[in-house]
Amino acid sequence: MASHADNSMQFLKGEKVMDFPLYDFSVAKQTMAAMLALYLVMIVVLRKFMQGRAPYALTMPMKVYNIAQVALNIYMIQGLCVLSSPTNIFGLNEKYTARLEYFVWVHYMSKFLDYFDTVFIILRGKEKQQLSFLHVYHHASIGMIWGTLLYIGHGNGTVGFGALINSVIHCMMYSHYLWTSFGFNNPFKKMITQAQLIQFAMCICHAVCVLAWEKILPRHMAWAQFVYHIQMLVLFGHFYRKSYLAAKKAKSDKAADIKAKAI
């Protein structure tokens, strides 16, 4: 059995079900710190590299990347869907199993693959439009959260709900990117951001239900989830208003101006 988290986190410790060298190495504090540092340094280096250079198209690499992301998220969905049922959608008080922990670990590892979102944004010259605080904060923090849960032995049970719903959203998101990479229009683009907002709202509801009824996961974890997803709801809500509602109003005002000039 893998060792418990160190004494600094004893009050949160759980029991890891899986135990193999790659797993233990991947969730070690040093590995997580190194990956976070690598991500932030990568942003600085790539931005400097692109100064004075023309953006890259990267059409084929992005198609391959989006296909890989869709396939990976479908794999995680089928592995995690055993957690939820019509009578217990959040998987409350679900026993810790090797299967759930394995797929939560796969989900954690996928967060490092997501770093390529940032790589493509910068290399394609889209950083002014897309490299926002929200993007960097989310990509930098979410992997550390999943890694910490696995490290302390609680990347299992009801925690898997967050990985499941996020995999569903990412499957939708990367399917959209794949579809549009072929030059097709997606009239449901706005609904993807709406689905992300629903995801955060459901994760907040999940945290509240864990605080009320969960007997296995420590309450501290639910409070951390609650606070984090409030942040995500606020940040993504601001993005949604800026990207869609404000743009819609600006378009309406422009149409009104044109009409007034015509009169």
Protein backbone atom coordinates (compact mmCIF):
# COMPACT_ATOMS: atom_id res chain seq x y z
CA MET A 1 0.00 0.00 0.00
CA ALA A 2 1.30 3.45 -0.84
CA SER A 3 2.49 5.58 2.03
CA HIS A 4 0.29 8.22 3.61
CA ALA A 5 0.82 11.93 3.02
CA ASP A 6 3.45 13.51 5.22
CA ASN A 7 2.76 14.80 8.73
CA SER A 8 1.93 18.32 7.52
CA MET A 9 -1.30 16.96 6.01
CA GLN A 10 -2.18 14.19 8.48
CA PHE A 11 -5.55 15.72 9.36
CA LEU A 12 -6.61 15.24 5.71
CA LYS A 13 -4.97 11.91 4.96
CA GLY A 14 -6.85 9.14 3.23
CA GLU A 15 -5.80 5.79 1.85
CA LYS A 16 -4.42 5.34 -1.64
CA VAL A 17 -5.74 2.22 -3.34
CA MET A 18 -3.25 2.15 -6.21
CA ASP A 19 0.46 1.70 -5.68
CA PHE A 20 3.01 1.74 -8.51
CA PRO A 21 6.13 3.88 -9.08
CA LEU A 22 4.82 6.12 -11.88
CA TYR A 23 1.68 6.91 -9.88
CA ASP A 24 3.58 7.83 -6.73
CA PHE A 25 6.09 9.93 -8.70
CA SER A 26 3.39 11.76 -10.68
CA VAL A 27 1.51 12.92 -7.55
CA ALA A 28 4.59 13.77 -5.47
CA LYS A 29 4.75 17.39 -4.28
CA GLN A 30 8.04 17.94 -6.09
CA THR A 31 6.57 16.75 -9.40
CA MET A 32 3.54 18.99 -9.09
CA ALA A 33 5.69 22.00 -8.18
CA ALA A 34 8.01 21.30 -11.12
CA MET A 35 5.10 21.01 -13.59
CA LEU A 36 3.56 24.25 -12.33
CA ALA A 37 6.91 26.04 -12.68
CA LEU A 38 7.41 24.53 -16.14
CA TYR A 39 4.00 25.79 -17.26
CA LEU A 40 4.61 29.36 -16.10
CA VAL A 41 8.16 29.47 -17.51
CA MET A 42 6.86 28.00 -20.78
CA ILE A 43 4.45 30.92 -21.15
CA VAL A 44 7.21 33.48 -20.66
CA VAL A 45 9.61 31.70 -23.04
CA LEU A 46 7.04 31.18 -25.79
CA ARG A 47 5.83 34.77 -25.63
CA LYS A 48 9.40 35.99 -25.97
CA PHE A 49 10.04 33.51 -28.79
CA MET A 50 7.05 34.83 -30.75
CA GLN A 51 8.06 38.48 -30.54
CA GLY A 52 8.64 39.70 -34.10
CA ARG A 53 7.56 36.36 -35.61
CA ALA A 54 4.53 35.65 -37.77
CA PRO A 55 1.91 33.36 -36.16
CA TYR A 56 2.02 29.67 -37.04
CA ALA A 57 -1.06 28.03 -38.59
CA LEU A 58 -0.56 24.63 -36.86
CA THR A 59 -3.63 23.28 -38.63
CA MET A 60 -2.65 19.61 -38.64
CA PRO A 61 -1.14 19.50 -35.11
CA MET A 62 -4.34 21.04 -33.74
CA LYS A 63 -6.51 18.51 -35.55
CA VAL A 64 -4.45 15.64 -34.08
CA TYR A 65 -4.52 17.26 -30.63
CA ASN A 66 -8.30 17.75 -30.68
CA ILE A 67 -8.88 14.15 -31.82
CA ALA A 68 -6.63 12.90 -29.00
CA GLN A 69 -8.50 15.05 -26.46
CA VAL A 70 -11.93 13.84 -27.61
CA ALA A 71 -10.80 10.19 -27.47
CA LEU A 72 -9.18 10.63 -24.05
CA ASN A 73 -12.25 12.31 -22.56
CA ILE A 74 -14.56 9.61 -23.91
CA TYR A 75 -12.25 7.06 -22.26
CA MET A 76 -12.51 8.89 -18.94
CA ILE A 77 -16.28 9.25 -19.20
CA GLN A 78 -16.78 5.52 -19.68
CA GLY A 79 -14.46 4.81 -16.77
CA LEU A 80 -16.06 7.26 -14.35
CA CYS A 81 -19.73 6.89 -15.28
CA VAL A 82 -20.08 3.97 -12.82
CA LEU A 83 -19.93 6.58 -10.05
CA SER A 84 -23.25 8.29 -10.77
CA SER A 85 -26.74 6.85 -10.70
CA PRO A 86 -30.21 8.44 -10.98
CA THR A 87 -30.61 8.20 -7.19
CA ASN A 88 -27.06 9.30 -6.34
CA ILE A 89 -25.77 11.52 -9.13
CA PHE A 90 -22.83 12.78 -7.05
CA GLY A 91 -21.72 9.33 -5.91
CA LEU A 92 -21.97 10.33 -2.25
CA ASN A 93 -20.40 7.85 0.17
CA GLU A 94 -19.09 5.80 -2.75
CA LYS A 95 -16.42 3.37 -1.58
CA TYR A 96 -12.85 3.97 -2.70
CA THR A 97 -11.93 1.57 -5.50
CA ALA A 98 -8.91 1.02 -7.73
CA ARG A 99 -11.02 1.76 -10.83
CA LEU A 100 -12.20 5.18 -9.62
CA GLU A 101 -8.76 6.15 -8.40
CA TYR A 102 -7.17 5.08 -11.68
CA PHE A 103 -9.53 7.23 -13.76
CA VAL A 104 -9.15 10.20 -11.41
CA TRP A 105 -5.38 9.78 -11.91
CA VAL A 106 -5.84 9.68 -15.70
CA HIS A 107 -7.90 12.85 -15.39
CA TYR A 108 -5.12 14.46 -13.37
CA MET A 109 -2.52 13.50 -15.97
CA SER A 110 -4.74 14.93 -18.72
CA LYS A 111 -4.36 18.36 -17.13
CA PHE A 112 -0.73 18.40 -18.24
CA LEU A 113 -1.84 17.56 -21.78
CA ASP A 114 -4.13 20.60 -21.53
CA TYR A 115 -1.02 22.79 -21.34
CA PHE A 116 -0.95 22.50 -25.13
CA ASP A 117 -4.03 24.77 -25.18
CA THR A 118 -1.71 27.54 -24.04
CA VAL A 119 1.06 26.52 -26.43
CA PHE A 120 -1.29 26.73 -29.41
CA ILE A 121 -2.73 30.08 -28.29
CA ILE A 122 0.71 31.69 -28.14
CA LEU A 123 2.20 30.10 -31.28
CA ARG A 124 -0.90 31.04 -33.29
CA GLY A 125 -0.67 34.67 -32.15
CA LYS A 126 -3.96 34.57 -30.26
CA GLU A 127 -2.64 35.59 -26.85
CA LYS A 128 -4.26 39.05 -26.82
CA GLN A 129 -7.68 37.50 -27.37
CA GLN A 130 -7.34 34.22 -25.48
CA LEU A 131 -4.41 34.24 -23.03
CA SER A 132 -6.41 35.75 -20.19
CA PHE A 133 -5.92 35.59 -16.44
CA LEU A 134 -8.78 33.08 -16.36
CA HIS A 135 -7.02 30.80 -18.84
CA VAL A 136 -3.66 30.83 -17.06
CA TYR A 137 -5.11 30.60 -13.55
CA HIS A 138 -7.36 27.69 -14.44
CA HIS A 139 -4.67 25.71 -16.28
CA ALA A 140 -2.08 26.39 -13.57
CA SER A 141 -4.32 25.50 -10.62
CA ILE A 142 -6.58 22.64 -11.65
CA GLY A 143 -3.84 20.04 -12.10
CA MET A 144 -2.39 20.92 -8.69
CA ILE A 145 -5.81 20.39 -7.10
CA TRP A 146 -6.28 16.93 -8.61
CA GLY A 147 -2.70 15.98 -7.80
CA THR A 148 -3.11 17.05 -4.18
CA LEU A 149 -6.29 14.98 -3.81
CA LEU A 150 -4.46 11.91 -5.11
CA TYR A 151 -1.37 12.65 -3.00
CA ILE A 152 -3.32 12.75 0.26
CA GLY A 153 -5.33 9.63 -0.62
CA HIS A 154 -8.69 11.20 -1.46
CA GLY A 155 -8.63 11.14 -5.26
CA ASN A 156 -11.42 8.59 -5.15
CA GLY A 157 -15.08 8.04 -4.32
CA THR A 158 -17.37 11.03 -4.69
CA VAL A 159 -14.42 13.18 -5.83
CA GLY A 160 -14.70 11.35 -9.16
CA PHE A 161 -17.88 13.32 -9.94
CA GLY A 162 -15.79 16.42 -10.65
CA ALA A 163 -13.59 14.46 -13.04
CA LEU A 164 -16.65 12.94 -14.73
CA ILE A 165 -18.51 16.19 -15.39
CA ASN A 166 -15.30 17.94 -16.47
CA SER A 167 -14.59 15.12 -18.95
CA VAL A 168 -18.08 15.56 -20.42
CA ILE A 169 -17.54 19.31 -20.84
CA HIS A 170 -14.08 18.81 -22.34
CA CYS A 171 -15.43 16.23 -24.77
CA MET A 172 -17.95 18.84 -25.96
CA MET A 173 -15.31 21.57 -26.07
CA TYR A 174 -12.68 19.68 -28.05
CA SER A 175 -15.33 18.28 -30.39
CA HIS A 176 -16.22 21.91 -31.13
CA TYR A 177 -12.56 22.78 -31.76
CA LEU A 178 -12.17 19.75 -34.02
CA TRP A 179 -15.32 20.60 -35.97
CA THR A 180 -14.31 24.24 -36.51
CA SER A 181 -10.72 23.25 -37.43
CA PHE A 182 -12.18 21.82 -40.65
CA GLY A 183 -13.68 25.22 -41.46
CA PHE A 184 -17.22 24.38 -40.34
CA ASN A 185 -19.33 26.75 -38.27
CA ASN A 186 -20.78 25.62 -34.94
CA PRO A 187 -24.03 27.48 -34.17
CA PHE A 188 -23.98 26.03 -30.63
CA LYS A 189 -20.66 27.63 -29.64
CA LYS A 190 -22.28 29.82 -26.98
CA MET A 191 -23.84 26.76 -25.37
CA ILE A 192 -20.37 25.37 -24.56
CA THR A 193 -19.64 28.30 -22.25
CA GLN A 194 -23.14 27.93 -20.79
CA ALA A 195 -22.40 24.24 -20.16
CA GLN A 196 -19.17 25.23 -18.40
CA LEU A 197 -21.13 27.56 -16.13
CA ILE A 198 -23.59 24.75 -15.38
CA GLN A 199 -20.61 22.51 -14.57
CA PHE A 200 -19.33 24.95 -11.95
CA ALA A 201 -22.80 25.40 -10.48
CA MET A 202 -23.19 21.61 -10.19
CA CYS A 203 -19.78 21.32 -8.53
CA ILE A 204 -20.88 23.92 -5.99
CA CYS A 205 -24.05 21.87 -5.37
CA HIS A 206 -21.84 18.78 -5.08
CA ALA A 207 -19.72 20.49 -2.42
CA VAL A 208 -22.83 21.45 -0.45
CA CYS A 209 -24.16 17.88 -0.62
CA VAL A 210 -20.79 16.53 0.51
CA LEU A 211 -20.90 18.88 3.51
CA ALA A 212 -24.41 17.68 4.32
CA TRP A 213 -24.27 13.92 3.71
CA GLU A 214 -20.81 12.59 2.83
CA LYS A 215 -19.20 10.34 5.47
CA ILE A 216 -15.87 9.47 3.77
CA LEU A 217 -14.37 12.60 2.18
CA PRO A 218 -13.16 15.17 4.78
CA ARG A 219 -15.26 18.33 4.99
CA HIS A 220 -12.15 20.46 4.34
CA MET A 221 -12.08 19.09 0.80
CA ALA A 222 -15.69 20.13 0.20
CA TRP A 223 -15.00 23.65 1.46
CA ALA A 224 -11.97 23.90 -0.86
CA GLN A 225 -14.12 22.74 -3.79
CA PHE A 226 -16.86 25.22 -2.88
CA VAL A 227 -14.45 28.19 -2.81
CA TYR A 228 -12.63 27.17 -6.00
CA HIS A 229 -15.77 26.74 -8.06
CA ILE A 230 -17.23 30.01 -6.81
CA GLN A 231 -14.10 31.60 -8.28
CA MET A 232 -14.57 29.71 -11.55
CA LEU A 233 -18.24 30.67 -11.74
CA VAL A 234 -17.39 34.36 -11.27
CA LEU A 235 -14.47 34.34 -13.75
CA PHE A 236 -16.27 32.33 -16.44
CA GLY A 237 -19.43 34.37 -15.84
CA HIS A 238 -17.45 37.54 -16.53
CA PHE A 239 -16.01 35.94 -19.68
CA TYR A 240 -19.51 34.96 -20.84
CA ARG A 241 -20.91 38.45 -20.29
CA LYS A 242 -17.95 40.05 -22.05
CA SER A 243 -17.88 37.61 -24.97
CA TYR A 244 -21.57 37.19 -25.69
CA LEU A 245 -23.90 39.56 -23.85
CA ALA A 246 -21.76 42.70 -24.33
CA ALA A 247 -21.03 41.74 -27.95
CA LYS A 248 -24.74 41.23 -28.57
CA LYS A 249 -25.54 44.65 -27.09
CA ALA A 250 -22.81 46.30 -29.18
CA LYS A 251 -24.19 44.68 -32.33
CA SER A 252 -27.70 45.84 -31.44
CA ASP A 253 -26.52 49.42 -30.78
CA LYS A 254 -24.65 49.47 -34.11
CA ALA A 255 -27.76 48.30 -35.95
CA ALA A 256 -29.79 51.00 -34.24
CA ASP A 257 -27.24 53.67 -35.26
CA ILE A 258 -27.32 52.52 -38.89
CA LYS A 259 -31.12 52.58 -38.86
CA ALA A 260 -31.16 56.07 -37.34
CA LYS A 261 -28.74 57.40 -39.96
CA ALA A 262 -30.86 55.88 -42.70
CA ILE A 263 -33.88 57.79 -41.43
